[in-house]
Amino acid sequence: MKKELMQILACPVCKGDLELKVDKEEGEEIVAGSLYCSNCNYSYPVVDTIPNLLPPEQQT
C-alpha cells in the first residue's frame, strides 16, 4: 500500500484515525506492517502490500 492511502483510510469499526506502523518497505510501497486504531485498541495487518481492514470479529 502507498502511504498516501492513509489520508482516506479509517477504522472500519469506529471510523477513527489509523496509525501506520511500517515493518517492511520497498521504495514507496509498504509491504508489511499494521494500521492501529487507538480508539478500539486494535491493529489491522498490512500483508504483501494489502491492508486487511475487516472488523475484528470477521478476521480468522
N, C-alpha and C. Protein backbone atom coordinates (compact mmCIF):
# COMPACT_ATOMS: atom_id res chain seq x y z
N MET A 1 0.84 -1.17 0.00
CA MET A 1 0.00 0.00 0.00
C MET A 1 0.88 1.23 0.00
N LYS A 2 0.37 2.31 -0.50
CA LYS A 2 1.08 3.58 -0.53
C LYS A 2 0.73 4.39 0.71
N LYS A 3 1.70 5.17 1.21
CA LYS A 3 1.44 5.99 2.39
C LYS A 3 0.32 7.00 2.16
N GLU A 4 0.16 7.44 0.92
CA GLU A 4 -0.89 8.41 0.61
C GLU A 4 -2.29 7.88 0.94
N LEU A 5 -2.43 6.56 0.95
CA LEU A 5 -3.72 5.93 1.26
C LEU A 5 -4.18 6.26 2.68
N MET A 6 -3.25 6.61 3.56
CA MET A 6 -3.58 6.93 4.94
C MET A 6 -4.53 8.13 5.03
N GLN A 7 -4.54 8.99 4.02
CA GLN A 7 -5.41 10.17 4.03
C GLN A 7 -6.90 9.80 3.95
N ILE A 8 -7.19 8.63 3.39
CA ILE A 8 -8.59 8.25 3.22
C ILE A 8 -9.02 7.04 4.05
N LEU A 9 -8.06 6.34 4.67
CA LEU A 9 -8.41 5.17 5.46
C LEU A 9 -8.92 5.57 6.85
N ALA A 10 -9.88 4.80 7.35
CA ALA A 10 -10.40 4.99 8.70
C ALA A 10 -10.70 3.62 9.30
N CYS A 11 -10.78 3.57 10.60
CA CYS A 11 -11.11 2.32 11.29
C CYS A 11 -12.49 1.87 10.83
N PRO A 12 -12.64 0.60 10.44
CA PRO A 12 -13.95 0.12 9.98
C PRO A 12 -14.99 0.01 11.09
N VAL A 13 -14.55 0.02 12.35
CA VAL A 13 -15.48 -0.12 13.47
C VAL A 13 -15.98 1.24 13.96
N CYS A 14 -15.03 2.14 14.29
CA CYS A 14 -15.42 3.42 14.89
C CYS A 14 -15.23 4.61 13.95
N LYS A 15 -14.66 4.37 12.78
CA LYS A 15 -14.37 5.42 11.79
C LYS A 15 -13.30 6.40 12.25
N GLY A 16 -12.53 6.01 13.28
CA GLY A 16 -11.46 6.85 13.80
C GLY A 16 -10.21 6.79 12.93
N ASP A 17 -9.25 7.64 13.26
CA ASP A 17 -7.98 7.67 12.55
C ASP A 17 -7.15 6.42 12.84
N LEU A 18 -6.35 6.03 11.86
CA LEU A 18 -5.47 4.88 12.00
C LEU A 18 -4.02 5.36 11.99
N GLU A 19 -3.18 4.70 12.79
CA GLU A 19 -1.75 5.00 12.82
C GLU A 19 -1.02 3.89 12.07
N LEU A 20 -0.09 4.27 11.21
CA LEU A 20 0.65 3.32 10.40
C LEU A 20 1.95 2.92 11.09
N LYS A 21 2.19 1.61 11.18
CA LYS A 21 3.46 1.06 11.65
C LYS A 21 4.04 0.26 10.50
N VAL A 22 5.22 0.66 10.03
CA VAL A 22 5.84 0.01 8.88
C VAL A 22 6.88 -1.00 9.37
N ASP A 23 6.73 -2.25 8.95
CA ASP A 23 7.72 -3.29 9.24
C ASP A 23 8.66 -3.49 8.07
N LYS A 24 8.14 -3.36 6.84
CA LYS A 24 8.95 -3.55 5.64
C LYS A 24 8.44 -2.63 4.55
N GLU A 25 9.39 -1.95 3.89
CA GLU A 25 9.04 -1.00 2.85
C GLU A 25 9.96 -1.22 1.66
N GLU A 26 9.40 -1.17 0.46
CA GLU A 26 10.18 -1.28 -0.77
C GLU A 26 9.85 -0.08 -1.63
N GLY A 27 10.79 0.83 -1.76
CA GLY A 27 10.53 2.06 -2.49
C GLY A 27 9.48 2.86 -1.75
N GLU A 28 8.40 3.20 -2.46
CA GLU A 28 7.31 3.94 -1.83
C GLU A 28 6.15 3.03 -1.42
N GLU A 29 6.35 1.74 -1.50
CA GLU A 29 5.30 0.75 -1.21
C GLU A 29 5.54 0.13 0.17
N ILE A 30 4.50 0.12 1.01
CA ILE A 30 4.58 -0.54 2.31
C ILE A 30 4.20 -1.99 2.08
N VAL A 31 5.14 -2.90 2.32
CA VAL A 31 4.94 -4.32 2.06
C VAL A 31 4.35 -5.01 3.28
N ALA A 32 4.82 -4.64 4.48
CA ALA A 32 4.35 -5.28 5.71
C ALA A 32 4.29 -4.25 6.82
N GLY A 33 3.31 -4.43 7.69
CA GLY A 33 3.15 -3.52 8.82
C GLY A 33 1.76 -3.67 9.40
N SER A 34 1.28 -2.58 10.00
CA SER A 34 -0.05 -2.63 10.58
C SER A 34 -0.65 -1.23 10.65
N LEU A 35 -1.96 -1.21 10.76
CA LEU A 35 -2.72 0.02 10.95
C LEU A 35 -3.40 -0.10 12.30
N TYR A 36 -3.13 0.85 13.20
CA TYR A 36 -3.60 0.75 14.58
C TYR A 36 -4.65 1.82 14.87
N CYS A 37 -5.75 1.41 15.47
CA CYS A 37 -6.79 2.33 15.93
C CYS A 37 -6.67 2.46 17.44
N SER A 38 -6.34 3.66 17.91
CA SER A 38 -6.18 3.86 19.36
C SER A 38 -7.53 3.90 20.08
N ASN A 39 -8.61 4.23 19.36
CA ASN A 39 -9.94 4.23 19.98
C ASN A 39 -10.40 2.81 20.30
N CYS A 40 -10.20 1.89 19.36
CA CYS A 40 -10.64 0.49 19.52
C CYS A 40 -9.56 -0.39 20.13
N ASN A 41 -8.32 0.12 20.14
CA ASN A 41 -7.16 -0.65 20.61
C ASN A 41 -7.00 -1.93 19.78
N TYR A 42 -7.10 -1.77 18.45
CA TYR A 42 -6.98 -2.93 17.58
C TYR A 42 -6.07 -2.60 16.39
N SER A 43 -5.28 -3.58 15.99
CA SER A 43 -4.39 -3.42 14.83
C SER A 43 -4.90 -4.24 13.65
N TYR A 44 -4.82 -3.62 12.48
CA TYR A 44 -5.19 -4.28 11.23
C TYR A 44 -3.90 -4.53 10.45
N PRO A 45 -3.66 -5.76 10.03
CA PRO A 45 -2.39 -6.08 9.37
C PRO A 45 -2.30 -5.57 7.93
N VAL A 46 -1.07 -5.27 7.52
CA VAL A 46 -0.75 -4.99 6.12
C VAL A 46 0.18 -6.13 5.69
N VAL A 47 -0.28 -6.97 4.76
CA VAL A 47 0.48 -8.14 4.33
C VAL A 47 0.59 -8.11 2.81
N ASP A 48 1.80 -8.24 2.31
CA ASP A 48 2.05 -8.23 0.86
C ASP A 48 1.41 -7.01 0.20
N THR A 49 1.59 -5.85 0.80
CA THR A 49 1.11 -4.53 0.35
C THR A 49 -0.40 -4.33 0.49
N ILE A 50 -1.14 -5.28 1.05
CA ILE A 50 -2.60 -5.18 1.13
C ILE A 50 -3.05 -5.00 2.58
N PRO A 51 -3.71 -3.86 2.89
CA PRO A 51 -4.25 -3.69 4.25
C PRO A 51 -5.53 -4.52 4.42
N ASN A 52 -5.60 -5.27 5.50
CA ASN A 52 -6.78 -6.07 5.82
C ASN A 52 -7.62 -5.31 6.83
N LEU A 53 -8.67 -4.64 6.36
CA LEU A 53 -9.49 -3.81 7.23
C LEU A 53 -10.81 -4.47 7.59
N LEU A 54 -10.82 -5.78 7.64
CA LEU A 54 -12.01 -6.46 8.12
C LEU A 54 -12.16 -6.20 9.61
N PRO A 55 -13.38 -5.97 10.09
CA PRO A 55 -13.57 -5.81 11.54
C PRO A 55 -13.07 -7.05 12.29
N PRO A 56 -12.62 -6.88 13.53
CA PRO A 56 -12.00 -7.99 14.29
C PRO A 56 -12.85 -9.26 14.32
N GLU A 57 -14.16 -9.15 14.43
CA GLU A 57 -14.99 -10.35 14.52
C GLU A 57 -15.07 -11.11 13.20
N GLN A 58 -14.66 -10.50 12.09
CA GLN A 58 -14.70 -11.17 10.79
C GLN A 58 -13.35 -11.71 10.36
N GLN A 59 -12.29 -11.43 11.12
CA GLN A 59 -10.97 -11.94 10.76
C GLN A 59 -10.79 -13.35 11.32
N THR A 60 -10.06 -14.14 10.57
CA THR A 60 -9.81 -15.52 11.01
C THR A 60 -8.39 -15.68 11.46
